[in-house]
């Protein structure tokens, strides 16, 4: 019985190893399929051979997700392929026709290599070096032709949830830290208040170094207007005595000293 189970496990492992990445499979019925497979394999010589013969393949978007091969290299985190594609003329301002997201927006994320929630700044640095538009913005939420919902955002809005160094790179490259979304007048600062790890460092950077306005609404909706006090009440619920709680109390004290009223 044990031998039988071991055989099944080995067979399943072999099958999974040979299974094609779904993002690559999206290109199957396009002329860029071979290029997508070369990107998956991180075969730089094959990538160069294919693109040299037909540079137009760099602009092919697959009909399933709307990504092109540059997006593919980002999604599967093959940095060498990403770099090679840009060297061969891939568009650093590619906009996904479905999501309307620029590749720079998509690059402002946590990475899974070498482990989940890794910050890898190489992708945005390379895109910016190749003249990616740091101020490209999706001004309003929308639903695409497939019924998928996408949020209004920008590279700096995304980065402000994630990592202070990422934020600084974008701002030093010309991103406007005071730019508000058309839809609800939210800003990168309001995005930082909804962030993950290191958010206190990012918040303090906006307040102390960028001198953002802290008393005006951070979100204006059809039914409600949200201020910084509301954000802190909603997103800063920490157990008493924890580091998060201590940092929150320090932030509240800073804001109160600057005239923000929390009482009532």
Protein backbone atom coordinates (compact mmCIF):
# COMPACT_ATOMS: atom_id res chain seq x y z
CA UNK A 1 0.00 0.00 0.00
CA UNK A 2 2.84 2.36 0.91
CA UNK A 3 4.56 1.67 -2.42
CA UNK A 4 1.28 2.41 -4.23
CA UNK A 5 0.86 5.78 -2.47
CA UNK A 6 4.48 6.72 -3.17
CA UNK A 7 4.00 5.94 -6.88
CA UNK A 8 0.91 8.15 -7.01
CA UNK A 9 2.77 11.03 -5.34
CA UNK A 10 5.68 10.69 -7.77
CA UNK A 11 3.32 10.64 -10.77
CA UNK A 12 1.47 13.71 -9.54
CA UNK A 13 4.77 15.51 -8.97
CA UNK A 14 5.94 14.72 -12.48
CA UNK A 15 2.63 15.88 -13.93
CA UNK A 16 2.72 19.15 -12.01
CA UNK A 17 6.32 19.77 -13.03
CA UNK A 18 5.35 19.49 -16.67
CA UNK A 19 2.28 21.64 -16.28
CA UNK A 20 2.40 24.90 -18.20
CA UNK A 21 2.06 28.17 -16.34
CA UNK A 22 -1.47 29.46 -16.92
CA UNK A 23 -0.21 32.94 -17.79
CA UNK A 24 1.87 31.39 -20.58
CA UNK A 25 -1.09 29.29 -21.73
CA UNK A 26 -3.07 32.51 -22.29
CA UNK A 27 -0.81 33.14 -25.31
CA UNK A 28 -1.45 29.73 -26.87
CA UNK A 29 -3.61 30.99 -29.73
CA UNK A 30 -1.45 34.01 -30.48
CA UNK A 31 1.65 34.40 -32.63
CA UNK A 32 3.59 35.33 -29.49
CA UNK A 33 3.20 31.88 -27.91
CA UNK A 34 6.75 30.73 -28.62
CA UNK A 35 8.07 33.99 -27.22
CA UNK A 36 5.94 33.51 -24.11
CA UNK A 37 7.41 30.03 -23.64
CA UNK A 38 10.93 31.44 -24.01
CA UNK A 39 10.08 34.02 -21.32
CA UNK A 40 8.77 31.25 -19.07
CA UNK A 41 12.02 29.33 -19.51
CA UNK A 42 14.07 32.51 -19.03
CA UNK A 43 15.85 31.60 -22.28
CA UNK A 44 17.44 34.94 -23.15
CA UNK A 45 19.04 33.76 -26.37
CA UNK A 46 15.76 32.36 -27.66
CA UNK A 47 13.96 35.56 -26.67
CA UNK A 48 16.47 37.58 -28.65
CA UNK A 49 16.25 35.26 -31.66
CA UNK A 50 12.44 35.44 -31.78
CA UNK A 51 12.17 39.20 -31.24
CA UNK A 52 14.93 39.97 -33.74
CA UNK A 53 12.98 38.08 -36.41
CA UNK A 54 9.64 39.69 -35.49
CA UNK A 55 9.78 42.73 -33.15
CA UNK A 56 5.99 43.17 -33.43
CA UNK A 57 5.56 40.19 -31.11
CA UNK A 58 6.49 42.49 -28.22
CA UNK A 59 3.18 44.31 -28.71
CA UNK A 60 0.92 41.24 -28.80
CA UNK A 61 -1.65 41.12 -25.98
CA UNK A 62 -3.22 37.78 -25.19
CA UNK A 63 -7.03 37.61 -25.41
CA UNK A 64 -7.56 36.18 -21.92
CA UNK A 65 -5.80 38.52 -19.48
CA UNK A 66 -4.70 41.27 -21.87
CA UNK A 67 -1.05 41.00 -20.85
CA UNK A 68 1.89 41.06 -23.25
CA UNK A 69 5.18 39.20 -22.85
CA UNK A 70 6.72 42.01 -20.77
CA UNK A 71 3.78 41.72 -18.36
CA UNK A 72 4.22 37.96 -18.40
CA UNK A 73 7.86 38.22 -17.35
CA UNK A 74 6.75 40.47 -14.48
CA UNK A 75 3.95 38.14 -13.35
CA UNK A 76 6.20 35.08 -13.27
CA UNK A 77 9.06 37.20 -11.88
CA UNK A 78 11.73 36.31 -14.41
CA UNK A 79 13.77 39.47 -14.07
CA UNK A 80 16.40 38.49 -16.64
CA UNK A 81 13.68 38.09 -19.29
CA UNK A 82 12.06 41.35 -18.16
CA UNK A 83 15.35 43.18 -18.62
CA UNK A 84 16.07 41.52 -21.96
CA UNK A 85 12.63 42.41 -23.37
CA UNK A 86 13.11 46.07 -22.46
CA UNK A 87 16.54 46.03 -24.09
CA UNK A 88 14.91 44.63 -27.24
CA UNK A 89 12.35 47.44 -27.36
CA UNK A 90 9.41 46.36 -25.19
CA UNK A 91 7.16 49.28 -24.25
CA UNK A 92 7.83 50.45 -20.64
CA UNK A 93 4.45 52.23 -20.77
CA UNK A 94 2.39 49.22 -21.81
CA UNK A 95 -1.25 49.55 -20.72
CA UNK A 96 -3.29 46.39 -20.31
CA UNK A 97 -6.35 46.85 -22.59
CA UNK A 98 -8.67 45.21 -20.05
CA UNK A 99 -7.45 46.48 -16.68
CA UNK A 100 -6.09 49.83 -17.98
CA UNK A 101 -3.22 49.31 -15.53
CA UNK A 102 0.25 50.31 -16.66
CA UNK A 103 3.05 47.83 -16.23
CA UNK A 104 4.59 50.23 -13.69
CA UNK A 105 1.41 50.02 -11.59
CA UNK A 106 1.61 46.22 -11.76
CA UNK A 107 5.28 46.33 -10.78
CA UNK A 108 4.45 48.17 -7.55
CA UNK A 109 3.63 45.04 -5.57
CA UNK A 110 5.01 42.42 -3.22
CA UNK A 111 6.93 39.64 -4.98
CA UNK A 112 6.94 35.93 -4.25
CA UNK A 113 10.66 35.43 -4.99
CA UNK A 114 12.72 34.54 -3.05
CA UNK A 115 9.84 34.33 -0.57
CA UNK A 116 6.32 35.78 -0.28
CA UNK A 117 5.99 39.50 0.48
CA UNK A 118 9.43 40.33 -0.87
CA UNK A 119 10.10 43.94 -1.92
CA UNK A 120 11.99 43.88 -5.22
CA UNK A 121 12.75 47.37 -6.50
CA UNK A 122 14.65 46.25 -9.60
CA UNK A 123 11.53 46.16 -11.76
CA UNK A 124 10.34 49.71 -11.08
CA UNK A 125 13.90 51.06 -11.28
CA UNK A 126 14.35 49.50 -14.70
CA UNK A 127 10.98 50.74 -15.95
CA UNK A 128 11.72 54.27 -14.75
CA UNK A 129 15.16 54.12 -16.35
CA UNK A 130 13.35 53.30 -19.61
CA UNK A 131 11.06 56.35 -19.25
CA UNK A 132 7.97 54.75 -17.73
CA UNK A 133 5.31 57.33 -16.82
CA UNK A 134 5.34 57.58 -13.02
CA UNK A 135 2.18 59.74 -13.02
CA UNK A 136 -0.05 57.50 -15.14
CA UNK A 137 -3.35 57.27 -13.25
CA UNK A 138 -6.60 55.35 -13.46
CA UNK A 139 -8.87 58.11 -12.20
CA UNK A 140 -12.05 56.09 -11.56
CA UNK A 141 -13.12 52.56 -10.67
CA UNK A 142 -14.54 50.68 -13.63
CA UNK A 143 -15.78 47.29 -14.85
CA UNK A 144 -14.13 45.84 -17.95
CA UNK A 145 -15.83 44.05 -20.85
CA UNK A 146 -15.50 40.74 -19.01
CA UNK A 147 -17.21 42.04 -15.90
CA UNK A 148 -14.06 42.35 -13.79
CA UNK A 149 -13.95 45.28 -11.36
CA UNK A 150 -10.83 47.46 -11.18
CA UNK A 151 -10.00 50.15 -8.66
CA UNK A 152 -8.80 53.66 -9.44
CA UNK A 153 -5.08 53.83 -8.72
CA UNK A 154 -1.58 54.98 -9.74
CA UNK A 155 1.95 53.69 -9.18
CA UNK A 156 2.39 55.89 -6.12
CA UNK A 157 -1.02 54.86 -4.73
CA UNK A 158 0.09 51.23 -4.94
CA UNK A 159 3.58 51.84 -3.56
CA UNK A 160 2.25 53.83 -0.61
CA UNK A 161 0.65 50.66 0.77
CA UNK A 162 3.86 48.68 0.50
CA UNK A 163 7.29 50.17 0.97
CA UNK A 164 8.89 53.51 1.84
CA UNK A 165 11.87 53.10 -0.50
CA UNK A 166 9.49 52.34 -3.37
CA UNK A 167 7.60 55.54 -2.56
CA UNK A 168 10.79 57.59 -2.50
CA UNK A 169 12.02 56.19 -5.81
CA UNK A 170 8.76 57.15 -7.52
CA UNK A 171 8.64 60.63 -5.99
CA UNK A 172 12.30 61.29 -6.78
CA UNK A 173 11.48 60.26 -10.36
CA UNK A 174 8.69 62.82 -10.64
CA UNK A 175 5.60 61.17 -9.17
CA UNK A 176 3.26 63.76 -7.64
CA UNK A 177 2.64 62.90 -3.96
CA UNK A 178 -0.24 65.38 -3.76
CA UNK A 179 -2.19 64.09 -6.79
CA UNK A 180 -5.79 63.17 -5.91
CA UNK A 181 -7.94 60.70 -7.77
CA UNK A 182 -10.81 62.22 -9.69
CA UNK A 183 -13.30 59.71 -8.34
CA UNK A 184 -13.11 60.27 -4.61
CA UNK A 185 -10.27 62.76 -4.10
CA UNK A 186 -8.19 60.14 -2.30
CA UNK A 187 -4.41 60.60 -2.40
CA UNK A 188 -1.26 58.52 -2.00
CA UNK A 189 -1.26 59.60 1.66
CA UNK A 190 -4.69 58.07 2.21
CA UNK A 191 -3.39 54.94 0.52
CA UNK A 192 -0.54 54.75 3.02
CA UNK A 193 -3.07 54.69 5.86
CA UNK A 194 -4.46 51.46 4.43
CA UNK A 195 -1.04 49.88 4.03
CA UNK A 196 0.64 46.74 5.26
CA UNK A 197 4.05 46.37 6.88
CA UNK A 198 6.15 49.51 7.42
CA UNK A 199 3.11 51.72 7.01
CA UNK A 200 4.00 53.92 9.98
CA UNK A 201 7.31 54.81 8.29
CA UNK A 202 5.46 55.72 5.10
CA UNK A 203 2.79 57.71 6.94
CA UNK A 204 5.39 59.66 8.89
CA UNK A 205 7.29 60.37 5.69
CA UNK A 206 4.19 61.93 4.14
CA UNK A 207 3.50 63.99 7.25
CA UNK A 208 7.02 65.03 8.26
CA UNK A 209 8.90 65.25 4.97
CA UNK A 210 6.17 65.96 2.41
CA UNK A 211 4.00 68.08 4.74
CA UNK A 212 0.73 66.67 3.39
CA UNK A 213 -2.50 68.32 4.48
CA UNK A 214 -3.84 66.26 7.38
CA UNK A 215 -7.05 68.11 8.20
CA UNK A 216 -8.79 67.96 4.82
CA UNK A 217 -10.96 65.00 3.76
CA UNK A 218 -9.01 61.98 2.55
CA UNK A 219 -12.00 60.51 0.76
CA UNK A 220 -15.14 62.14 -0.58
CA UNK A 221 -17.86 59.68 -1.54
CA UNK A 222 -21.49 60.00 -2.57
CA UNK A 223 -22.70 59.15 0.91
CA UNK A 224 -19.83 60.03 3.24
CA UNK A 225 -16.70 62.08 3.73
CA UNK A 226 -13.77 60.41 5.49
CA UNK A 227 -11.06 62.15 7.49
CA UNK A 228 -7.79 60.87 8.93
CA UNK A 229 -9.48 60.17 12.27
CA UNK A 230 -11.86 57.78 10.46
CA UNK A 231 -8.99 55.97 8.77
CA UNK A 232 -7.20 55.48 12.07
CA UNK A 233 -10.34 54.19 13.77
CA UNK A 234 -11.00 51.72 10.94
CA UNK A 235 -7.51 50.48 10.02
CA UNK A 236 -5.48 50.85 13.24
CA UNK A 237 -7.04 48.37 15.61
CA UNK A 238 -4.17 46.87 17.60
CA UNK A 239 -4.09 45.03 20.90
CA UNK A 240 -2.98 47.22 23.79
CA UNK A 241 0.74 46.97 24.44
CA UNK A 242 1.72 45.76 20.98
CA UNK A 243 4.13 47.63 18.73
CA UNK A 244 1.26 48.57 16.43
CA UNK A 245 -0.71 50.02 19.34
CA UNK A 246 2.29 52.03 20.58
CA UNK A 247 2.96 53.38 17.08
CA UNK A 248 -0.70 54.31 16.69
CA UNK A 249 -0.73 56.26 19.93
CA UNK A 250 2.45 58.07 18.86
CA UNK A 251 0.82 58.93 15.52
CA UNK A 252 -2.34 60.20 17.22
CA UNK A 253 -0.26 62.39 19.54
CA UNK A 254 1.61 63.82 16.54
CA UNK A 255 -1.64 64.60 14.75
CA UNK A 256 -3.20 66.17 17.84
CA UNK A 257 -0.14 68.40 18.23
CA UNK A 258 -0.79 69.53 14.64
CA UNK A 259 -4.42 70.40 15.42
CA UNK A 260 -6.28 67.22 14.46
CA UNK A 261 -9.16 66.69 16.91
CA UNK A 262 -9.95 63.09 17.86
CA UNK A 263 -12.46 63.74 20.62
CA UNK A 264 -16.02 63.15 19.39
